[in-house]
Structure formats: structure tokens, C-alpha cells
Amino acid sequence: MAFTLPTDIENRPVGVIGAGTLGRRIALMFATRGGEVRVHDPSSRAREDARDFVEENLTQVAAGIDGGTPGRVTLTDDLEEVLAGAWLVVEAVPERLDLKKDLFARLDRLAGRDTILASNSSSYPASRFIDRVEHRERVLNTHFYMPPGQNAIDIMSDGHTDPGVIDLLKRELPRYGIYPFEARKESTGFIFSRVWAAIKREALAVVAEGVSTPQDVDRMWQINMGTAAGPFRMMDMVGLDVALDIEEHYAAEHPGLPWGPRALLRSYVDAGHLGVKTGQGFYDDYAKPSR
């Protein structure tokens, strides 16, 4: 079965694998043009939280997109239901290489011949998890940040990606309020993430060394950069477990990186303080999880 570029995109669903912090945000963006988005997650709680998030935000986000209109989001634990007829499937599962290898092997086997398979991985190039993928020409990275507030994304080939896939996504994604930038050679961390990783790492080092506090670093950042949140608040939003996984991956590739930032993150993760999703991280002013 040879891969062919998808057609009739406006009448076909988008699939999202993973209903966590980023998965639900990706689903929200693809639901802004009146179509259907199907989200897969084995956790009923994650699915319920994703449904609540989309319902709370969809009308407002769609109104801010040219031609936008609220669509519908279906949540399920049935992977084949998500894949049926989808023109694009975006993976947003935890940053574990073994998990991604297994998932992309399944997606390649089960998805239609014209389904694009994209990874939201924030630190792994797609070339690292396509060992068991037959149709590598339809696989690539599409790394989202934190939509609907941060809507630039990185697009990067797995080394075999059909150039037509990249051209199609560059053309279609802005219709959903998503703005793609192509990484023109393979790079761990892609474009903006590499810059942001260095900022986070140094912010963590400043606190790990006792030079400052998360709150003071963030407040200085807000004053000087004019943003609503600083590095520590933003790490809380993404999840400190995710931040630690990413930093561990960078350190595995670059053994000379300082250990202090990882040790600080590990202390919070080991204590179960993961940020917004647990009600406490570097800050403790979040609503406690209801379930």
C-alpha cells in the first residue's frame, strides 16, 4: 500500500493521540473550522478534562481565526475509531522513546494509505522512532508549543518525509490559526525549543545555586520581557515531569550540561509536585485537581 497525499481535507477528521496538556490544546486548534477532531486516550479522566477544556475555550478561539467556526471533538479509548478517515494524526503522548516506537508502528499499520502521521515530540526527532514504520514518507515532527496562546510550531522531516507533506501542512495549518516553521536539518529540540531550553536551564541553575527564587526570577522576567508569565510559571503549566524528561534527554546527548537544573526538577517531581496538573509545583496557588 503506497502512501498518497490526502485530499478532501475539509471533510475529513483530524486525530490526536493523547489528551494531556498539549493534546487537548492541539485538538482545540483543529476544531476551529467546523470539522471533527477525534482524541484518543486510555484514561477516562484525561478524556473528561480534555472535553471540559475544549468546551470552555472553543467558541472564543474559533472567533479569533479568520473563517473560524466551532467544530466538534470526540473523545475515545478506541484507536481505530480515531484513525478512521483521518487526513492527519498528531501524536501527543509522553516523551518516552519506547512508547513512541510502539505507537508509530501501530499507526502506520492501522491508518489509511493517505493519512499523515505527525509527532508532537518536544525533544525526539521522528527519525528516532520510525524503526518499525514501513511508510516513513508520511511521518514527520509537528512540534506545538502552548496553543491557543503560542501558535508557532516546528515542522521537521524524519529524513524520508515526502516534500509534498511538508508543503501541504505549510499551506493548510494557518487556516487553523497555527503557523509552521520548517527546521531545515535534523535538530534535537528543533528551533524555538532549543533557545527556550537554554533559558529554562539557566533559570533553574540560578535557583539551584541559591542565587534567587522561582518567584523573583519570574517577576524580573515579566518586568524586563513584558510577558504574563516567567520561566517557572510556564514550566508549571507544561508539567515539571515533562520538563525533567526533556532536560534528561538533552543531557543524554550533551553530557557536559550542568546537573543542578535536573536535580532541582527531580526534587519537585519526586515530591509529586508537578505543577498545575497536581495543584502545586514551583507555585502552590493552583486549584487542586477535583478527581
Protein backbone atom coordinates (compact mmCIF):
# COMPACT_ATOMS: atom_id res chain seq x y z
CA MET A 1 0.00 0.00 0.00
CA ALA A 2 1.77 3.13 -1.24
CA PHE A 3 1.28 6.44 0.59
CA THR A 4 -0.59 9.18 -1.27
CA LEU A 5 -1.14 12.77 -0.17
CA PRO A 6 -4.55 13.31 1.47
CA THR A 7 -7.34 15.05 -0.41
CA ASP A 8 -10.79 16.37 0.59
CA ILE A 9 -9.21 17.60 3.81
CA GLU A 10 -12.07 19.91 4.81
CA ASN A 11 -14.47 16.96 5.07
CA ARG A 12 -12.18 14.61 6.98
CA PRO A 13 -11.33 14.43 10.71
CA VAL A 14 -8.04 15.08 12.46
CA GLY A 15 -6.89 12.58 15.08
CA VAL A 16 -4.96 13.41 18.24
CA ILE A 17 -3.32 10.66 20.30
CA GLY A 18 -3.08 11.80 23.93
CA ALA A 19 -5.48 14.07 25.84
CA GLY A 20 -2.94 15.65 28.19
CA THR A 21 -1.91 19.29 28.47
CA LEU A 22 -0.77 19.63 24.86
CA GLY A 23 -3.02 17.02 23.26
CA ARG A 24 -6.17 18.83 24.32
CA ARG A 25 -4.74 22.15 23.10
CA ILE A 26 -3.87 20.67 19.71
CA ALA A 27 -7.39 19.25 19.46
CA LEU A 28 -8.82 22.68 20.28
CA MET A 29 -6.97 24.32 17.39
CA PHE A 30 -8.05 21.72 14.84
CA ALA A 31 -11.67 22.10 15.98
CA THR A 32 -11.83 25.77 14.92
CA ARG A 33 -13.05 25.29 11.35
CA GLY A 34 -16.27 23.39 11.89
CA GLY A 35 -14.83 19.92 11.38
CA GLU A 36 -14.34 16.92 13.62
CA VAL A 37 -11.37 16.14 15.85
CA ARG A 38 -11.08 12.71 17.46
CA VAL A 39 -8.93 12.38 20.57
CA HIS A 40 -7.63 9.06 21.89
CA ASP A 41 -6.56 8.48 25.48
CA PRO A 42 -6.87 5.35 27.64
CA SER A 43 -7.60 7.50 30.72
CA SER A 44 -11.24 8.45 31.23
CA ARG A 45 -10.17 11.31 33.48
CA ALA A 46 -7.85 12.73 30.80
CA ARG A 47 -10.66 12.49 28.27
CA GLU A 48 -13.12 14.29 30.57
CA ASP A 49 -10.59 17.03 31.35
CA ALA A 50 -9.89 17.47 27.63
CA ARG A 51 -13.61 17.74 26.86
CA ASP A 52 -14.01 20.41 29.57
CA PHE A 53 -11.03 22.38 28.25
CA VAL A 54 -12.29 22.39 24.66
CA GLU A 55 -15.84 23.32 25.67
CA GLU A 56 -14.58 26.24 27.75
CA ASN A 57 -12.34 27.67 25.03
CA LEU A 58 -13.55 26.66 21.58
CA THR A 59 -16.06 29.41 20.84
CA GLN A 60 -13.67 32.19 21.77
CA VAL A 61 -10.66 30.69 19.97
CA ALA A 62 -12.63 29.96 16.78
CA ALA A 63 -13.93 33.55 16.77
CA GLY A 64 -10.34 34.81 16.63
CA ILE A 65 -9.47 32.84 13.46
CA ASP A 66 -10.35 34.12 10.02
CA GLY A 67 -13.19 31.92 8.79
CA GLY A 68 -13.26 30.06 12.09
CA THR A 69 -16.34 28.27 13.39
CA PRO A 70 -16.59 25.81 16.28
CA GLY A 71 -16.39 22.17 15.29
CA ARG A 72 -16.78 19.07 17.43
CA VAL A 73 -14.37 16.97 19.46
CA THR A 74 -14.96 13.27 20.05
CA LEU A 75 -13.01 11.50 22.80
CA THR A 76 -12.46 7.76 22.86
CA ASP A 77 -10.20 4.94 24.04
CA ASP A 78 -10.59 3.21 20.66
CA LEU A 79 -7.52 3.89 18.50
CA GLU A 80 -9.06 2.57 15.28
CA GLU A 81 -12.04 4.90 15.73
CA VAL A 82 -9.65 7.86 15.85
CA LEU A 83 -7.81 6.76 12.71
CA ALA A 84 -10.83 6.02 10.53
CA GLY A 85 -10.84 8.52 7.65
CA ALA A 86 -8.40 10.93 9.32
CA TRP A 87 -6.21 13.01 6.98
CA LEU A 88 -3.80 13.88 9.81
CA VAL A 89 -2.97 12.20 13.12
CA VAL A 90 -0.87 14.02 15.72
CA GLU A 91 0.82 12.05 18.49
CA ALA A 92 1.00 13.81 21.87
CA VAL A 93 2.00 11.03 24.27
CA PRO A 94 4.72 11.20 26.99
CA GLU A 95 8.35 11.71 25.96
CA ARG A 96 9.33 8.03 26.08
CA LEU A 97 11.13 6.64 23.06
CA ASP A 98 9.85 3.08 23.50
CA LEU A 99 6.27 4.33 23.70
CA LYS A 100 6.64 6.37 20.52
CA LYS A 101 8.26 3.48 18.63
CA ASP A 102 5.39 1.17 19.53
CA LEU A 103 2.75 3.79 18.74
CA PHE A 104 4.08 4.77 15.31
CA ALA A 105 4.41 1.12 14.30
CA ARG A 106 0.70 0.70 15.15
CA LEU A 107 -0.34 3.93 13.46
CA ASP A 108 1.49 3.02 10.27
CA ARG A 109 -0.17 -0.39 10.25
CA LEU A 110 -3.71 0.80 11.02
CA ALA A 111 -4.03 4.24 9.38
CA GLY A 112 -5.32 4.78 5.84
CA ARG A 113 -2.83 5.00 3.00
CA ASP A 114 -3.20 8.81 2.76
CA THR A 115 -3.02 9.65 6.48
CA ILE A 116 -0.15 11.91 7.58
CA LEU A 117 1.43 10.76 10.86
CA ALA A 118 2.89 13.59 12.93
CA SER A 119 4.66 13.68 16.27
CA ASN A 120 4.38 16.49 18.79
CA SER A 121 7.58 15.28 20.47
CA SER A 122 9.43 18.20 22.01
CA SER A 123 12.86 16.58 22.04
CA TYR A 124 12.97 13.46 19.82
CA PRO A 125 13.43 13.77 16.05
CA ALA A 126 10.99 11.48 14.28
CA SER A 127 13.95 9.56 12.82
CA ARG A 128 14.46 8.09 16.33
CA PHE A 129 11.14 6.24 16.47
CA ILE A 130 10.40 5.01 12.93
CA ASP A 131 12.37 1.74 13.12
CA ARG A 132 9.23 -0.34 12.53
CA VAL A 133 7.42 2.11 10.24
CA GLU A 134 7.04 0.98 6.63
CA HIS A 135 5.79 4.26 5.15
CA ARG A 136 8.33 6.69 6.57
CA GLU A 137 7.50 9.19 3.84
CA ARG A 138 4.32 10.19 5.71
CA VAL A 139 5.93 10.71 9.13
CA LEU A 140 7.33 13.98 10.48
CA ASN A 141 7.59 16.17 13.57
CA THR A 142 4.98 18.88 14.11
CA HIS A 143 6.02 20.32 17.45
CA PHE A 144 3.40 22.55 19.08
CA TYR A 145 4.17 24.89 21.96
CA MET A 146 1.18 26.03 24.08
CA PRO A 147 -1.74 26.94 21.83
CA PRO A 148 -4.02 28.85 21.73
CA GLY A 149 -1.59 31.40 23.19
CA GLN A 150 1.58 30.24 21.43
CA ASN A 151 0.67 29.19 17.91
CA ALA A 152 4.01 28.84 16.10
CA ILE A 153 5.07 25.22 15.53
CA ASP A 154 8.18 23.46 14.25
CA ILE A 155 7.92 21.11 11.27
CA MET A 156 10.79 18.72 10.63
CA SER A 157 11.31 15.79 8.26
CA ASP A 158 12.19 12.32 9.57
CA GLY A 159 14.78 12.14 6.79
CA HIS A 160 12.35 10.35 4.46
CA THR A 161 9.30 12.65 4.57
CA ASP A 162 7.64 13.32 1.23
CA PRO A 163 8.26 17.05 0.49
CA GLY A 164 4.61 17.24 -0.51
CA VAL A 165 3.60 16.50 3.08
CA ILE A 166 5.58 19.47 4.36
CA ASP A 167 4.24 21.74 1.62
CA LEU A 168 0.66 20.65 2.35
CA LEU A 169 0.99 21.35 6.09
CA LYS A 170 2.60 24.72 5.49
CA ARG A 171 -0.39 25.59 3.34
CA GLU A 172 -3.17 24.12 5.49
CA LEU A 173 -2.16 24.72 9.11
CA PRO A 174 -2.52 28.55 9.06
CA ARG A 175 -6.22 28.03 8.32
CA TYR A 176 -6.48 26.67 11.88
CA GLY A 177 -4.54 29.57 13.39
CA ILE A 178 -1.32 27.51 13.52
CA TYR A 179 1.89 28.89 11.98
CA PRO A 180 4.54 26.36 10.84
CA PHE A 181 8.28 26.98 10.59
CA GLU A 182 10.46 24.32 8.98
CA ALA A 183 13.61 23.05 10.66
CA ARG A 184 15.77 22.63 7.58
CA LYS A 185 18.01 19.92 9.04
CA GLU A 186 17.52 17.43 11.85
CA SER A 187 17.94 19.06 15.24
CA THR A 188 17.14 17.79 18.72
CA GLY A 189 14.86 20.45 20.16
CA PHE A 190 14.05 21.96 16.75
CA ILE A 191 14.12 25.78 16.58
CA PHE A 192 12.48 27.75 19.37
CA SER A 193 12.68 24.86 21.86
CA ARG A 194 16.47 24.93 21.74
CA VAL A 195 16.50 28.61 22.62
CA TRP A 196 13.86 28.12 25.31
CA ALA A 197 15.67 25.09 26.80
CA ALA A 198 18.76 27.21 27.39
CA ILE A 199 16.65 29.87 29.13
CA LYS A 200 14.91 27.30 31.35
CA ARG A 201 18.19 25.59 32.20
CA GLU A 202 19.86 28.80 33.31
CA ALA A 203 16.79 29.89 35.28
CA LEU A 204 16.82 26.54 37.08
CA ALA A 205 20.57 26.87 37.71
CA VAL A 206 20.12 30.30 39.30
CA VAL A 207 17.61 28.81 41.76
CA ALA A 208 19.50 25.52 42.29
CA GLU A 209 22.60 27.51 43.27
CA GLY A 210 20.62 29.58 45.78
CA VAL A 211 21.13 32.83 43.89
CA SER A 212 17.41 33.58 43.59
CA THR A 213 13.90 32.14 43.90
CA PRO A 214 11.46 31.00 41.21
CA GLN A 215 9.16 33.89 42.05
CA ASP A 216 11.85 36.55 41.78
CA VAL A 217 13.23 35.16 38.53
CA ASP A 218 9.73 35.15 37.08
CA ARG A 219 8.94 38.66 38.25
CA MET A 220 12.16 40.03 36.76
CA TRP A 221 11.36 38.21 33.52
CA GLN A 222 7.87 39.73 33.42
CA ILE A 223 9.17 43.25 34.01
CA ASN A 224 12.02 43.04 31.52
CA MET A 225 10.32 40.99 28.80
CA GLY A 226 6.76 42.25 29.15
CA THR A 227 5.22 38.79 29.33
CA ALA A 228 2.38 37.50 31.50
CA ALA A 229 4.42 34.61 32.94
CA GLY A 230 8.05 33.76 33.61
CA PRO A 231 10.00 30.51 33.06
CA PHE A 232 8.99 28.82 36.31
CA ARG A 233 5.29 29.54 35.95
CA MET A 234 5.47 28.26 32.37
CA MET A 235 7.22 25.07 33.46
CA ASP A 236 4.43 24.54 35.99
CA MET A 237 1.90 24.88 33.17
CA VAL A 238 3.59 22.26 30.98
CA GLY A 239 4.34 19.92 33.89
CA LEU A 240 7.60 19.51 35.81
CA ASP A 241 7.72 15.82 34.94
CA VAL A 242 7.65 16.77 31.25
CA ALA A 243 10.29 19.46 31.84
CA LEU A 244 12.52 16.90 33.56
CA ASP A 245 12.09 14.30 30.78
CA ILE A 246 13.11 16.91 28.20
CA GLU A 247 16.12 18.05 30.21
CA GLU A 248 17.24 14.44 30.78
CA HIS A 249 17.10 13.85 27.03
CA TYR A 250 19.22 16.92 26.29
CA ALA A 251 21.71 15.81 28.96
CA ALA A 252 21.96 12.33 27.43
CA GLU A 253 23.03 13.90 24.14
CA HIS A 254 25.23 16.56 25.76
CA PRO A 255 26.89 15.03 28.87
CA GLY A 256 28.57 18.33 29.77
CA LEU A 257 25.32 20.04 30.76
CA PRO A 258 25.13 21.03 34.46
CA TRP A 259 23.33 18.61 36.78
CA GLY A 260 21.87 21.25 39.13
CA PRO A 261 18.82 22.11 37.00
CA ARG A 262 17.88 18.44 36.70
CA ALA A 263 18.38 17.86 40.41
CA LEU A 264 16.06 20.76 41.23
CA LEU A 265 13.36 19.45 38.91
CA ARG A 266 13.80 15.93 40.28
CA SER A 267 13.19 17.14 43.84
CA TYR A 268 9.79 18.51 42.84
CA VAL A 269 8.85 15.50 40.72
CA ASP A 270 9.81 13.04 43.46
CA ALA A 271 7.60 15.00 45.88
CA GLY A 272 4.67 14.70 43.47
CA HIS A 273 4.62 18.45 42.81
CA LEU A 274 4.26 18.52 39.02
CA GLY A 275 2.71 21.95 38.57
CA VAL A 276 -0.80 22.88 37.53
CA LYS A 277 -1.93 19.29 36.97
CA THR A 278 -1.27 18.34 40.61
CA GLY A 279 -2.15 21.70 42.14
CA GLN A 280 1.42 22.52 43.19
CA GLY A 281 4.80 22.98 41.55
CA PHE A 282 7.15 25.94 41.85
CA TYR A 283 3.94 27.76 42.81
CA ASP A 284 1.18 26.48 45.10
CA ASP A 285 -1.66 28.78 44.06
CA TYR A 286 -3.35 26.41 41.60
CA ALA A 287 -6.76 24.84 42.04
CA LYS A 288 -6.41 21.34 43.38
CA PRO A 289 -7.40 18.54 41.00
CA SER A 290 -11.06 17.67 41.55
CA ARG A 291 -10.67 13.96 40.78
